[in-house]
Structures are given as C-alpha cells and as structure tokens.
Amino acid sequence: MAMTLITTNTSSDAATSDFTTGIDSTYKLYVFKFYDVNPATDGVTFQFQVNASDDVGGDFDESYITSTAFAAYHTEDDSSTSLGYRTDVDQAQGTSYQALMGDTLVNDADAGGVGELFLFNPASTTYVKHFYATTSFIFGDDYAWNAYTAGYINQTLALSEVSFKMSSGNMDAVIKMYGVG
C-alpha cells in the first residue's frame, strides 16, 4: 500500500502542531511521522489528542482515550538499562492529551526525538478509533529511550483534527501526515 503525503507542519517555538484539514474518509489509515521534536523547556512530555467532527476547532479534550505504554532505556555511559510498563502515562477513558515521548525531554542540541503515530479509520462513524505509536528520544541525563504506546479513542463520531504539543511550553518539530491506501 502506498503512503501519500497530505501535509507537513514545521513548528518553530510553537505551542502546538495541529492538523485541522485532510483527515477524512479518503484513507482508512493515517500515519504521522515526527522529526526533530525538541522542547523549549526541560522536563516535559510530547503528546497528542483529537477532536471529533462535532467539535471542529474545539479544545482537544472530549475524546476518551484508553491506552497502555511501555518503554526501554539505556544510559549513554552503560551504567543502567530498563524495560517496563509506564503506569504514569496510560489512561482509562481519559480526556487528557496522550503522552508519546518521555516525561523529562530535554532541549539540548544533541537531544530531541523522532517517531510515528498510526491512527486507524478516523472517519468511521461505527467503530472506536485505534492507534499506536513508537518513539525514540533522549530522556533527561543522556538516556536513550524507546517508548511504545497503544490504545483506542472511545469515539464513534468521525475524528477530523489531531493536535500535538508538549505538556508545558513550546516546541520545535517537523510532523508529516500521510494517508495510506
């Protein structure tokens, strides 16, 4: 199946990166690829949330997310490794933005993150919307992290908007939205 680039958002010191057009019934799968995600401040989380078609231009908090997450890390100096479930970033019918990258992202020049989010059949008016994400980023004091997040958005209305932001402060990022079909 071919991936078609729909749009690219390039953010520089921006509060959010919002995709408010292009999500419709054209594709059953939308893929968001993140490049050079870097927060303006230390100790934050990169996250996403959606708006349903009845809340276009809304505040990205009405869709209930149930999610799970786990992560693996390895320190730069080889002093520590870990693989574990992340209870601090999962949700049970939550309306918060869903964390995709860490909780102590740093804004160093040699830090930042990359990854991708898969959103399945957002235009469906019958089924909930499933998603999963894989990210890689520098965490805190030179930890290389890989995070895996998955879940569903308990919404049977069509989803039409997706927002990305840091838990606090602004960010630099390049995010591309693709349709797969």
Protein backbone atom coordinates (compact mmCIF):
# COMPACT_ATOMS: atom_id res chain seq x y z
CA MET A 1 0.00 0.00 0.00
CA ALA A 2 1.24 3.44 -0.90
CA MET A 3 1.73 6.28 1.54
CA THR A 4 0.58 9.68 0.28
CA LEU A 5 1.96 12.81 1.94
CA ILE A 6 -1.02 15.02 2.81
CA THR A 7 0.65 17.85 4.71
CA THR A 8 3.76 18.87 6.64
CA ASN A 9 3.70 21.03 9.75
CA THR A 10 7.01 22.67 10.62
CA SER A 11 6.89 24.22 14.07
CA SER A 12 9.43 26.64 15.46
CA ASP A 13 8.91 27.68 19.07
CA ALA A 14 5.20 26.84 18.71
CA ALA A 15 2.70 25.83 21.40
CA THR A 16 1.01 23.20 19.20
CA SER A 17 1.17 21.47 15.85
CA ASP A 18 -2.44 20.97 14.77
CA PHE A 19 -3.75 19.06 11.76
CA THR A 20 -7.19 20.57 11.12
CA THR A 21 -7.74 19.53 7.49
CA GLY A 22 -7.09 16.42 5.44
CA ILE A 23 -8.42 13.81 7.87
CA ASP A 24 -11.49 12.30 6.25
CA SER A 25 -12.79 9.08 4.70
CA THR A 26 -10.22 9.13 1.87
CA TYR A 27 -7.93 6.78 3.82
CA LYS A 28 -8.51 4.08 6.44
CA LEU A 29 -5.07 4.71 7.97
CA TYR A 30 -3.30 7.98 8.75
CA VAL A 31 0.35 7.99 9.77
CA PHE A 32 2.02 10.94 11.49
CA LYS A 33 5.83 10.95 11.35
CA PHE A 34 7.75 13.17 13.79
CA TYR A 35 11.21 14.55 13.11
CA ASP A 36 13.47 16.77 15.24
CA VAL A 37 10.99 17.09 18.12
CA ASN A 38 12.65 19.35 20.66
CA PRO A 39 11.03 21.13 23.63
CA ALA A 40 11.75 24.73 24.57
CA THR A 41 12.00 23.71 28.23
CA ASP A 42 13.32 20.66 30.07
CA GLY A 43 11.21 18.06 31.85
CA VAL A 44 8.21 17.87 29.52
CA THR A 45 6.25 15.26 27.55
CA PHE A 46 5.38 15.19 23.83
CA GLN A 47 1.72 14.23 23.45
CA PHE A 48 -1.37 14.15 21.19
CA GLN A 49 -5.17 14.44 21.34
CA VAL A 50 -8.03 14.60 18.80
CA ASN A 51 -11.27 16.42 18.04
CA ALA A 52 -14.36 14.69 16.72
CA SER A 53 -16.28 16.09 13.75
CA ASP A 54 -18.86 17.66 16.09
CA ASP A 55 -16.13 19.70 17.84
CA VAL A 56 -14.10 21.15 14.95
CA GLY A 57 -11.92 23.92 16.31
CA GLY A 58 -12.53 22.65 19.85
CA ASP A 59 -10.16 22.23 22.73
CA PHE A 60 -8.94 18.68 22.04
CA ASP A 61 -10.30 17.10 25.22
CA GLU A 62 -13.64 15.47 24.50
CA SER A 63 -12.50 12.09 23.20
CA TYR A 64 -12.00 9.34 25.76
CA ILE A 65 -8.66 7.55 25.46
CA THR A 66 -7.81 4.15 26.90
CA SER A 67 -4.12 3.43 26.46
CA THR A 68 -1.15 1.40 27.56
CA ALA A 69 2.56 2.17 27.33
CA PHE A 70 5.93 0.62 27.97
CA ALA A 71 9.46 1.83 27.42
CA ALA A 72 13.06 0.68 27.32
CA TYR A 73 16.14 2.77 28.03
CA HIS A 74 19.92 2.54 28.09
CA THR A 75 22.24 5.15 29.55
CA GLU A 76 24.98 6.68 27.47
CA ASP A 77 27.66 5.57 29.97
CA ASP A 78 26.27 1.97 30.09
CA SER A 79 25.51 2.24 33.82
CA SER A 80 21.80 1.43 33.64
CA THR A 81 19.14 -0.23 31.48
CA SER A 82 15.43 -0.87 31.93
CA LEU A 83 12.31 -2.23 30.25
CA GLY A 84 8.98 -1.61 31.91
CA TYR A 85 5.32 -0.71 31.88
CA ARG A 86 4.58 3.02 32.21
CA THR A 87 1.60 3.38 34.55
CA ASP A 88 2.24 7.12 34.71
CA VAL A 89 1.27 7.68 31.06
CA ASP A 90 -1.59 5.25 30.47
CA GLN A 91 -5.22 6.40 30.53
CA ALA A 92 -8.55 4.74 31.32
CA GLN A 93 -11.22 6.70 29.46
CA GLY A 94 -9.14 9.86 29.94
CA THR A 95 -9.63 13.18 28.20
CA SER A 96 -6.03 14.37 28.63
CA TYR A 97 -3.51 14.54 25.85
CA GLN A 98 -1.87 11.12 25.45
CA ALA A 99 1.88 11.04 26.18
CA LEU A 100 4.06 9.70 23.37
CA MET A 101 7.58 10.70 24.47
CA GLY A 102 9.00 10.72 27.97
CA ASP A 103 8.36 12.93 30.92
CA THR A 104 11.76 14.57 31.06
CA LEU A 105 12.53 15.50 27.47
CA VAL A 106 15.40 17.95 27.33
CA ASN A 107 16.08 20.83 24.97
CA ASP A 108 19.77 20.19 24.47
CA ALA A 109 21.13 20.49 20.93
CA ASP A 110 22.05 16.78 20.95
CA ALA A 111 18.64 15.69 22.28
CA GLY A 112 15.12 15.55 20.92
CA GLY A 113 13.02 12.80 19.48
CA VAL A 114 11.53 11.05 16.47
CA GLY A 115 8.70 8.61 15.93
CA GLU A 116 5.41 7.81 14.32
CA LEU A 117 1.74 7.56 15.26
CA PHE A 118 -0.70 5.29 13.40
CA LEU A 119 -4.39 6.30 13.57
CA PHE A 120 -6.81 3.74 12.17
CA ASN A 121 -10.06 4.59 10.37
CA PRO A 122 -10.67 8.01 11.95
CA ALA A 123 -13.67 8.72 9.67
CA SER A 124 -15.63 5.71 10.90
CA THR A 125 -18.99 6.55 12.45
CA THR A 126 -19.46 2.97 13.67
CA TYR A 127 -16.29 1.93 15.49
CA VAL A 128 -13.89 3.33 18.07
CA LYS A 129 -10.54 4.52 16.70
CA HIS A 130 -7.38 2.53 17.44
CA PHE A 131 -3.86 3.96 17.50
CA TYR A 132 -0.30 3.00 18.26
CA ALA A 133 2.94 4.93 18.39
CA THR A 134 6.63 4.16 18.53
CA THR A 135 9.07 6.88 19.53
CA SER A 136 12.78 7.24 20.20
CA PHE A 137 14.18 10.14 22.19
CA ILE A 138 16.83 11.43 24.56
CA PHE A 139 15.50 11.42 28.12
CA GLY A 140 16.88 13.50 30.98
CA ASP A 141 20.54 12.87 31.61
CA ASP A 142 21.58 11.14 28.39
CA TYR A 143 19.28 8.13 28.41
CA ALA A 144 18.34 6.69 25.01
CA TRP A 145 14.65 5.76 25.25
CA ASN A 146 12.23 3.85 23.06
CA ALA A 147 8.57 4.19 24.01
CA TYR A 148 5.63 2.16 22.75
CA THR A 149 2.09 3.46 23.22
CA ALA A 150 -1.18 1.96 22.02
CA GLY A 151 -4.86 2.23 22.70
CA TYR A 152 -8.18 3.42 21.40
CA ILE A 153 -10.22 6.58 21.31
CA ASN A 154 -13.71 5.70 22.52
CA GLN A 155 -15.49 7.84 19.96
CA THR A 156 -17.89 6.66 17.23
CA LEU A 157 -18.12 10.12 15.65
CA ALA A 158 -15.62 10.75 12.88
CA LEU A 159 -12.33 12.28 14.04
CA SER A 160 -11.31 15.28 11.99
CA GLU A 161 -8.47 17.01 13.85
CA VAL A 162 -5.26 15.93 15.60
CA SER A 163 -3.13 18.10 17.87
CA PHE A 164 0.44 17.60 19.10
CA LYS A 165 2.09 19.60 21.88
CA MET A 166 4.42 19.49 24.86
CA SER A 167 2.94 19.12 28.35
CA SER A 168 4.29 22.61 29.04
CA GLY A 169 5.99 25.24 26.92
CA ASN A 170 6.70 25.43 23.22
CA MET A 171 8.48 23.12 20.80
CA ASP A 172 10.30 22.77 17.53
CA ALA A 173 9.16 19.87 15.35
CA VAL A 174 8.52 18.66 11.86
CA ILE A 175 5.42 16.45 11.66
CA LYS A 176 4.23 14.91 8.41
CA MET A 177 0.76 13.44 7.92
CA TYR A 178 0.34 10.61 5.42
CA GLY A 179 -2.69 8.75 4.16
CA VAL A 180 -2.20 5.03 3.50
CA GLY A 181 -4.38 3.32 0.97
